[in-house]
């Protein structure tokens, strides 16, 4: 008889699961989504075994569904994760994220002299490199990379 120990985590009735998160990006995803302050159940698993990634992270958020902007934020720090929408304990939607060609309103320009940092102008970026994540500001043309990316609140 094989002795296996398994921890079973409750299914969520309604909400969202973010699966296949690279382990190094789990806490960044939590931060950019503001889940530290979320008042309902949030389950975080990290360094879990994965046939796809070797090791992965997963986040289950009860009673939370993501906007297109939130999915874009996730895709910038953890591209190709799986987003699963749950309603009445059933999967109603499941898709993998992709880095968009353009993002607006939520990435902060790294150039302190950019107009978006001095005036109430919404930010706009073109994604120049999706492999190494490189964004170019629409206004000042300064580059932002995965090492320097910062999100507005």
N, C-alpha and C. Protein backbone atom coordinates (compact mmCIF):
# COMPACT_ATOMS: atom_id res chain seq x y z
N UNK A 1 0.84 -1.19 0.00
CA UNK A 1 0.00 0.00 0.00
C UNK A 1 0.89 1.25 0.00
N UNK A 2 0.63 2.11 -0.96
CA UNK A 2 1.41 3.34 -1.08
C UNK A 2 0.84 4.39 -0.13
N UNK A 3 1.72 5.04 0.62
CA UNK A 3 1.28 6.04 1.58
C UNK A 3 1.49 7.43 1.00
N UNK A 4 0.43 8.03 0.49
CA UNK A 4 0.50 9.37 -0.07
C UNK A 4 -0.22 10.33 0.86
N UNK A 5 0.40 11.47 1.04
CA UNK A 5 -0.26 12.52 1.82
C UNK A 5 -0.59 13.64 0.86
N UNK A 6 -1.80 14.10 0.94
CA UNK A 6 -2.25 15.14 0.03
C UNK A 6 -3.08 16.15 0.81
N UNK A 7 -2.80 17.40 0.58
CA UNK A 7 -3.58 18.47 1.18
C UNK A 7 -4.64 18.89 0.18
N UNK A 8 -5.88 18.81 0.57
CA UNK A 8 -6.96 19.18 -0.31
C UNK A 8 -7.44 20.57 0.08
N UNK A 9 -7.51 21.46 -0.91
CA UNK A 9 -7.95 22.82 -0.69
C UNK A 9 -9.37 22.94 -1.21
N UNK A 10 -10.22 23.57 -0.43
CA UNK A 10 -11.61 23.73 -0.80
C UNK A 10 -11.77 24.44 -2.13
N UNK A 11 -12.76 23.99 -2.88
CA UNK A 11 -13.12 24.69 -4.11
C UNK A 11 -13.81 25.99 -3.72
N UNK A 12 -13.73 26.97 -4.61
CA UNK A 12 -14.45 28.21 -4.34
C UNK A 12 -15.77 28.20 -5.11
N UNK A 13 -16.80 28.74 -4.49
CA UNK A 13 -18.12 28.75 -5.13
C UNK A 13 -18.14 29.75 -6.28
N UNK A 14 -17.63 30.95 -6.02
CA UNK A 14 -17.58 32.00 -7.03
C UNK A 14 -16.25 32.73 -6.88
N UNK A 15 -15.65 33.06 -8.01
CA UNK A 15 -14.39 33.80 -7.96
C UNK A 15 -13.49 33.46 -9.11
N UNK A 16 -12.19 33.67 -8.90
CA UNK A 16 -11.21 33.47 -9.95
C UNK A 16 -10.00 32.72 -9.43
N UNK A 17 -9.47 31.86 -10.27
CA UNK A 17 -8.23 31.15 -9.97
C UNK A 17 -7.20 31.60 -11.00
N UNK A 18 -6.03 31.98 -10.52
CA UNK A 18 -4.90 32.30 -11.40
C UNK A 18 -3.92 31.14 -11.23
N UNK A 19 -3.73 30.38 -12.28
CA UNK A 19 -2.92 29.16 -12.20
C UNK A 19 -1.70 29.28 -13.12
N UNK A 20 -0.72 28.44 -12.87
CA UNK A 20 0.51 28.38 -13.66
C UNK A 20 1.30 29.70 -13.60
N UNK A 21 1.34 30.29 -12.40
CA UNK A 21 2.11 31.52 -12.20
C UNK A 21 3.57 31.12 -11.96
N UNK A 22 4.52 31.72 -12.69
CA UNK A 22 5.92 31.46 -12.35
C UNK A 22 6.16 31.80 -10.88
N UNK A 23 6.89 30.94 -10.17
CA UNK A 23 7.04 31.11 -8.72
C UNK A 23 7.60 32.48 -8.33
N UNK A 24 8.48 33.03 -9.15
CA UNK A 24 9.08 34.32 -8.82
C UNK A 24 8.11 35.49 -9.00
N UNK A 25 6.95 35.25 -9.61
CA UNK A 25 5.99 36.32 -9.88
C UNK A 25 4.76 36.30 -8.98
N UNK A 26 4.61 35.29 -8.15
CA UNK A 26 3.40 35.14 -7.34
C UNK A 26 3.13 36.38 -6.49
N UNK A 27 4.12 36.83 -5.74
CA UNK A 27 3.89 37.95 -4.83
C UNK A 27 3.76 39.28 -5.57
N UNK A 28 4.34 39.38 -6.74
CA UNK A 28 4.15 40.58 -7.55
C UNK A 28 2.72 40.63 -8.08
N UNK A 29 2.16 39.50 -8.47
CA UNK A 29 0.76 39.45 -8.91
C UNK A 29 -0.16 39.85 -7.75
N UNK A 30 0.11 39.34 -6.56
CA UNK A 30 -0.69 39.69 -5.38
C UNK A 30 -0.65 41.20 -5.17
N UNK A 31 0.53 41.78 -5.28
CA UNK A 31 0.70 43.21 -5.03
C UNK A 31 0.00 44.06 -6.10
N UNK A 32 0.19 43.75 -7.37
CA UNK A 32 -0.40 44.61 -8.41
C UNK A 32 -1.92 44.54 -8.44
N UNK A 33 -2.48 43.44 -7.92
CA UNK A 33 -3.93 43.31 -7.85
C UNK A 33 -4.49 43.85 -6.53
N UNK A 34 -3.61 44.25 -5.62
CA UNK A 34 -4.05 44.77 -4.33
C UNK A 34 -4.68 43.72 -3.43
N UNK A 35 -4.28 42.46 -3.60
CA UNK A 35 -4.91 41.39 -2.83
C UNK A 35 -4.50 41.39 -1.35
N UNK A 36 -3.47 42.15 -0.99
CA UNK A 36 -3.09 42.24 0.43
C UNK A 36 -4.23 42.86 1.24
N UNK A 37 -5.04 43.69 0.59
CA UNK A 37 -6.13 44.39 1.27
C UNK A 37 -7.50 43.81 0.94
N UNK A 38 -7.55 42.73 0.17
CA UNK A 38 -8.82 42.13 -0.21
C UNK A 38 -9.46 41.50 1.02
N UNK A 39 -10.73 41.73 1.22
CA UNK A 39 -11.40 41.34 2.46
C UNK A 39 -12.10 39.98 2.41
N UNK A 40 -12.01 39.27 1.31
CA UNK A 40 -12.60 37.94 1.24
C UNK A 40 -11.46 36.91 1.19
N UNK A 41 -11.80 35.65 1.01
CA UNK A 41 -10.79 34.59 1.03
C UNK A 41 -9.84 34.68 -0.15
N UNK A 42 -8.54 34.54 0.15
CA UNK A 42 -7.50 34.47 -0.87
C UNK A 42 -6.60 33.31 -0.48
N UNK A 43 -6.46 32.35 -1.37
CA UNK A 43 -5.57 31.22 -1.14
C UNK A 43 -4.36 31.39 -2.03
N UNK A 44 -3.17 31.30 -1.44
CA UNK A 44 -1.92 31.45 -2.19
C UNK A 44 -1.11 30.17 -2.03
N UNK A 45 -0.72 29.59 -3.14
CA UNK A 45 0.18 28.44 -3.12
C UNK A 45 1.38 28.76 -3.99
N UNK A 46 2.56 28.41 -3.53
CA UNK A 46 3.76 28.71 -4.32
C UNK A 46 4.73 27.53 -4.23
N UNK A 47 5.53 27.39 -5.24
CA UNK A 47 6.51 26.31 -5.37
C UNK A 47 5.82 24.94 -5.38
N UNK A 48 4.65 24.89 -6.00
CA UNK A 48 3.91 23.64 -6.15
C UNK A 48 4.43 22.90 -7.38
N UNK A 49 4.36 21.58 -7.34
CA UNK A 49 4.82 20.78 -8.49
C UNK A 49 3.94 21.06 -9.69
N UNK A 50 4.58 21.14 -10.86
CA UNK A 50 3.85 21.41 -12.10
C UNK A 50 4.54 20.69 -13.25
N UNK A 51 3.77 19.93 -14.01
CA UNK A 51 4.37 19.26 -15.18
C UNK A 51 4.70 20.28 -16.26
N UNK A 52 3.98 21.40 -16.29
CA UNK A 52 4.19 22.43 -17.29
C UNK A 52 5.39 23.32 -16.98
N UNK A 53 5.55 23.71 -15.71
CA UNK A 53 6.59 24.67 -15.33
C UNK A 53 7.69 24.09 -14.43
N UNK A 54 7.51 22.89 -13.93
CA UNK A 54 8.42 22.36 -12.93
C UNK A 54 7.91 22.74 -11.55
N UNK A 55 7.87 24.04 -11.29
CA UNK A 55 7.29 24.61 -10.08
C UNK A 55 6.39 25.76 -10.49
N UNK A 56 5.31 25.97 -9.74
CA UNK A 56 4.36 27.02 -10.10
C UNK A 56 3.73 27.62 -8.85
N UNK A 57 3.01 28.71 -9.09
CA UNK A 57 2.19 29.30 -8.05
C UNK A 57 0.74 29.29 -8.50
N UNK A 58 -0.15 29.42 -7.53
CA UNK A 58 -1.58 29.49 -7.81
C UNK A 58 -2.21 30.45 -6.80
N UNK A 59 -3.19 31.21 -7.24
CA UNK A 59 -3.92 32.11 -6.36
C UNK A 59 -5.41 31.90 -6.62
N UNK A 60 -6.17 31.64 -5.56
CA UNK A 60 -7.63 31.53 -5.65
C UNK A 60 -8.22 32.71 -4.91
N UNK A 61 -9.11 33.45 -5.57
CA UNK A 61 -9.71 34.64 -4.97
C UNK A 61 -11.23 34.48 -4.98
N UNK A 62 -11.80 34.39 -3.80
CA UNK A 62 -13.25 34.21 -3.67
C UNK A 62 -13.98 35.50 -4.01
N UNK A 63 -15.06 35.38 -4.78
CA UNK A 63 -15.95 36.50 -5.12
C UNK A 63 -15.25 37.65 -5.83
N UNK A 64 -14.27 37.34 -6.64
CA UNK A 64 -13.53 38.37 -7.39
C UNK A 64 -13.44 37.94 -8.85
N UNK A 65 -13.81 38.85 -9.74
CA UNK A 65 -13.64 38.64 -11.18
C UNK A 65 -12.83 39.81 -11.69
N UNK A 66 -11.94 39.56 -12.64
CA UNK A 66 -10.98 40.56 -13.08
C UNK A 66 -11.45 41.33 -14.30
N UNK A 67 -11.13 42.61 -14.30
CA UNK A 67 -11.38 43.46 -15.46
C UNK A 67 -10.30 43.18 -16.51
N UNK A 68 -10.52 43.68 -17.71
CA UNK A 68 -9.54 43.55 -18.78
C UNK A 68 -8.21 44.20 -18.36
N UNK A 69 -8.29 45.34 -17.68
CA UNK A 69 -7.08 46.04 -17.22
C UNK A 69 -6.31 45.18 -16.20
N UNK A 70 -7.01 44.55 -15.29
CA UNK A 70 -6.35 43.69 -14.30
C UNK A 70 -5.68 42.49 -14.97
N UNK A 71 -6.33 41.91 -15.97
CA UNK A 71 -5.73 40.79 -16.71
C UNK A 71 -4.48 41.27 -17.44
N UNK A 72 -4.51 42.48 -18.00
CA UNK A 72 -3.33 43.03 -18.67
C UNK A 72 -2.19 43.23 -17.68
N UNK A 73 -2.50 43.69 -16.47
CA UNK A 73 -1.47 43.84 -15.44
C UNK A 73 -0.82 42.50 -15.14
N UNK A 74 -1.66 41.49 -14.95
CA UNK A 74 -1.15 40.15 -14.66
C UNK A 74 -0.23 39.69 -15.78
N UNK A 75 -0.66 39.89 -17.03
CA UNK A 75 0.11 39.39 -18.17
C UNK A 75 1.48 40.05 -18.30
N UNK A 76 1.63 41.28 -17.80
CA UNK A 76 2.93 41.95 -17.89
C UNK A 76 3.94 41.36 -16.92
N UNK A 77 3.50 40.90 -15.76
CA UNK A 77 4.44 40.34 -14.79
C UNK A 77 4.47 38.81 -14.80
N UNK A 78 3.41 38.20 -15.33
CA UNK A 78 3.34 36.74 -15.39
C UNK A 78 2.60 36.33 -16.66
N UNK A 79 3.26 36.48 -17.81
CA UNK A 79 2.59 36.13 -19.06
C UNK A 79 2.26 34.64 -19.14
N UNK A 80 1.18 34.36 -19.81
CA UNK A 80 0.76 33.00 -20.11
C UNK A 80 0.25 32.21 -18.91
N UNK A 81 -0.20 32.92 -17.87
CA UNK A 81 -0.87 32.22 -16.78
C UNK A 81 -2.26 31.82 -17.26
N UNK A 82 -2.89 30.93 -16.51
CA UNK A 82 -4.26 30.51 -16.82
C UNK A 82 -5.21 31.21 -15.84
N UNK A 83 -6.21 31.88 -16.39
CA UNK A 83 -7.24 32.54 -15.59
C UNK A 83 -8.50 31.70 -15.70
N UNK A 84 -9.02 31.28 -14.55
CA UNK A 84 -10.20 30.42 -14.52
C UNK A 84 -11.30 31.14 -13.73
N UNK A 85 -12.43 31.36 -14.36
CA UNK A 85 -13.57 32.00 -13.70
C UNK A 85 -14.52 30.92 -13.22
N UNK A 86 -14.88 31.00 -11.94
CA UNK A 86 -15.73 30.00 -11.30
C UNK A 86 -17.05 30.65 -10.89
N UNK A 87 -18.16 29.98 -11.22
CA UNK A 87 -19.48 30.38 -10.74
C UNK A 87 -20.24 29.13 -10.33
N UNK A 88 -20.81 29.15 -9.14
CA UNK A 88 -21.53 28.00 -8.59
C UNK A 88 -20.68 26.72 -8.66
N UNK A 89 -19.42 26.85 -8.28
CA UNK A 89 -18.44 25.75 -8.24
C UNK A 89 -18.09 25.18 -9.61
N UNK A 90 -18.52 25.82 -10.68
CA UNK A 90 -18.23 25.32 -12.03
C UNK A 90 -17.35 26.31 -12.79
N UNK A 91 -16.47 25.77 -13.64
CA UNK A 91 -15.64 26.60 -14.51
C UNK A 91 -16.53 27.15 -15.62
N UNK A 92 -16.62 28.48 -15.70
CA UNK A 92 -17.43 29.06 -16.77
C UNK A 92 -16.57 29.70 -17.86
N UNK A 93 -15.29 29.96 -17.52
CA UNK A 93 -14.37 30.52 -18.51
C UNK A 93 -12.95 30.18 -18.09
N UNK A 94 -12.13 29.86 -19.08
CA UNK A 94 -10.73 29.52 -18.82
C UNK A 94 -9.92 29.96 -20.02
N UNK A 95 -8.87 30.76 -19.75
CA UNK A 95 -8.03 31.23 -20.85
C UNK A 95 -6.63 31.52 -20.34
N UNK A 96 -5.69 31.55 -21.28
CA UNK A 96 -4.31 31.92 -20.95
C UNK A 96 -4.11 33.38 -21.32
N UNK A 97 -3.37 34.09 -20.47
CA UNK A 97 -3.11 35.50 -20.74
C UNK A 97 -2.01 35.63 -21.78
N UNK A 98 -2.03 36.75 -22.46
CA UNK A 98 -0.97 37.10 -23.41
C UNK A 98 -0.63 38.56 -23.20
N UNK A 99 0.60 38.92 -23.43
CA UNK A 99 1.02 40.31 -23.30
C UNK A 99 0.36 41.11 -24.42
N UNK A 100 -0.34 42.19 -24.07
CA UNK A 100 -1.00 43.00 -25.12
C UNK A 100 0.01 43.81 -25.91
N UNK A 101 -0.42 44.38 -27.03
CA UNK A 101 0.44 45.24 -27.84
C UNK A 101 0.58 46.64 -27.25
N UNK A 102 -0.45 47.08 -26.53
CA UNK A 102 -0.49 48.42 -25.93
C UNK A 102 -1.11 48.32 -24.55
N UNK A 103 -0.68 49.19 -23.65
CA UNK A 103 -1.33 49.31 -22.34
C UNK A 103 -1.53 50.79 -22.04
N UNK A 104 -2.62 51.08 -21.35
CA UNK A 104 -2.93 52.46 -20.99
C UNK A 104 -3.40 52.53 -19.54
N UNK A 105 -3.02 53.63 -18.88
CA UNK A 105 -3.56 54.03 -17.59
C UNK A 105 -3.02 53.34 -16.35
N UNK A 106 -2.22 52.28 -16.44
CA UNK A 106 -1.82 51.63 -15.20
C UNK A 106 -0.33 51.39 -15.04
N UNK A 107 0.49 51.61 -16.07
CA UNK A 107 1.94 51.52 -15.92
C UNK A 107 2.47 52.93 -15.77
N UNK A 108 3.36 53.10 -14.81
CA UNK A 108 3.94 54.42 -14.56
C UNK A 108 5.20 54.59 -15.40
N UNK A 109 5.37 55.76 -16.02
CA UNK A 109 6.56 56.03 -16.82
C UNK A 109 7.76 56.18 -15.90
N UNK A 110 8.87 55.58 -16.29
CA UNK A 110 10.10 55.62 -15.49
C UNK A 110 10.82 56.96 -15.59
N UNK A 111 10.44 57.79 -16.57
CA UNK A 111 11.08 59.09 -16.75
C UNK A 111 10.42 60.12 -15.83
N UNK A 112 11.13 60.62 -14.82
CA UNK A 112 10.52 61.59 -13.91
C UNK A 112 10.10 62.89 -14.60
N UNK A 113 10.68 63.18 -15.77
CA UNK A 113 10.33 64.40 -16.50
C UNK A 113 9.18 64.20 -17.49
N UNK A 114 8.67 62.99 -17.60
CA UNK A 114 7.55 62.71 -18.51
C UNK A 114 6.32 63.50 -18.06
N UNK A 115 5.56 63.97 -19.03
CA UNK A 115 4.34 64.74 -18.73
C UNK A 115 3.37 63.95 -17.86
N UNK A 116 3.37 62.62 -17.99
CA UNK A 116 2.44 61.80 -17.21
C UNK A 116 2.78 61.81 -15.71
N UNK A 117 4.02 62.17 -15.38
CA UNK A 117 4.42 62.26 -13.97
C UNK A 117 4.27 63.67 -13.42
N UNK A 118 3.98 64.64 -14.28
CA UNK A 118 3.86 66.03 -13.84
C UNK A 118 2.42 66.53 -13.91
N UNK A 119 1.63 65.97 -14.81
CA UNK A 119 0.25 66.41 -15.01
C UNK A 119 -0.69 65.21 -15.02
N UNK A 120 -1.97 65.48 -14.94
CA UNK A 120 -2.98 64.41 -14.93
C UNK A 120 -3.24 63.91 -16.35
N UNK A 121 -2.23 63.29 -16.93
CA UNK A 121 -2.32 62.74 -18.28
C UNK A 121 -2.24 61.21 -18.16
N UNK A 122 -3.18 60.48 -18.74
CA UNK A 122 -3.11 59.02 -18.64
C UNK A 122 -1.90 58.46 -19.40
N UNK A 123 -1.28 57.46 -18.82
CA UNK A 123 -0.11 56.87 -19.46
C UNK A 123 -0.52 55.99 -20.63
N UNK A 124 0.38 55.90 -21.62
CA UNK A 124 0.18 55.04 -22.79
C UNK A 124 1.53 54.45 -23.15
N UNK A 125 1.55 53.14 -23.37
CA UNK A 125 2.79 52.45 -23.74
C UNK A 125 2.54 51.49 -24.88
N UNK A 126 3.53 51.37 -25.76
CA UNK A 126 3.56 50.31 -26.76
C UNK A 126 4.50 49.24 -26.23
N UNK A 127 4.12 47.99 -26.40
CA UNK A 127 4.99 46.89 -26.00
C UNK A 127 5.93 46.63 -27.17
N UNK A 128 7.20 46.87 -26.97
CA UNK A 128 8.21 46.74 -28.02
C UNK A 128 8.80 45.32 -28.06
N UNK A 129 8.96 44.72 -26.89
CA UNK A 129 9.55 43.38 -26.79
C UNK A 129 8.73 42.58 -25.78
N UNK A 130 8.04 41.55 -26.27
CA UNK A 130 7.20 40.73 -25.40
C UNK A 130 7.98 39.62 -24.72
N UNK A 131 9.15 39.27 -25.23
CA UNK A 131 9.95 38.21 -24.62
C UNK A 131 10.66 38.72 -23.37
N UNK A 132 11.36 39.84 -23.49
CA UNK A 132 12.08 40.42 -22.36
C UNK A 132 11.34 41.59 -21.73
N UNK A 133 10.13 41.83 -22.12
CA UNK A 133 9.26 42.91 -21.67
C UNK A 133 9.94 44.27 -21.71
N UNK A 134 9.67 44.96 -22.79
CA UNK A 134 10.17 46.31 -22.98
C UNK A 134 9.02 47.15 -23.51
N UNK A 135 8.69 48.24 -22.78
CA UNK A 135 7.60 49.13 -23.13
C UNK A 135 8.17 50.50 -23.47
N UNK A 136 7.54 51.17 -24.45
CA UNK A 136 7.97 52.53 -24.81
C UNK A 136 6.82 53.49 -24.53
N UNK A 137 7.14 54.55 -23.78
CA UNK A 137 6.14 55.57 -23.45
C UNK A 137 5.72 56.32 -24.72
N UNK A 138 4.44 56.51 -24.85
CA UNK A 138 3.87 57.21 -26.00
C UNK A 138 4.30 58.69 -26.04
N UNK A 139 4.51 59.27 -24.88
CA UNK A 139 4.80 60.71 -24.80
C UNK A 139 6.30 61.03 -24.87
N UNK A 140 7.10 60.42 -24.01
CA UNK A 140 8.52 60.79 -23.94
C UNK A 140 9.44 59.76 -24.61
N UNK A 141 8.86 58.61 -25.00
CA UNK A 141 9.57 57.53 -25.68
C UNK A 141 10.63 56.85 -24.81
N UNK A 142 10.59 57.07 -23.49
CA UNK A 142 11.48 56.39 -22.54
C UNK A 142 11.04 54.93 -22.43
N UNK A 143 12.03 54.04 -22.31
CA UNK A 143 11.74 52.62 -22.19
C UNK A 143 11.58 52.20 -20.74
N UNK A 144 10.63 51.32 -20.51
CA UNK A 144 10.44 50.67 -19.23
C UNK A 144 10.63 49.17 -19.47
N UNK A 145 11.32 48.50 -18.56
CA UNK A 145 11.58 47.07 -18.70
C UNK A 145 10.97 46.31 -17.52
N UNK A 146 11.07 44.99 -17.55
CA UNK A 146 10.51 44.20 -16.45
C UNK A 146 11.22 44.52 -15.13
N UNK A 147 12.46 44.98 -15.20
CA UNK A 147 13.18 45.34 -13.97
C UNK A 147 12.74 46.69 -13.42
N UNK A 148 12.24 47.57 -14.28
CA UNK A 148 11.88 48.93 -13.83
C UNK A 148 10.37 49.20 -13.85
N UNK A 149 9.57 48.20 -14.21
CA UNK A 149 8.14 48.45 -14.31
C UNK A 149 7.53 48.78 -12.95
N UNK A 150 6.62 49.74 -12.99
CA UNK A 150 5.93 50.18 -11.79
C UNK A 150 4.49 50.47 -12.19
N UNK A 151 3.56 50.16 -11.31
CA UNK A 151 2.15 50.32 -11.61
C UNK A 151 1.56 51.46 -10.81
N UNK A 152 0.63 52.19 -11.45
CA UNK A 152 -0.09 53.25 -10.74
C UNK A 152 -1.16 52.60 -9.88
N UNK A 153 -1.65 53.29 -8.93
CA UNK A 153 -2.70 52.75 -8.06
C UNK A 153 -4.05 52.96 -8.66
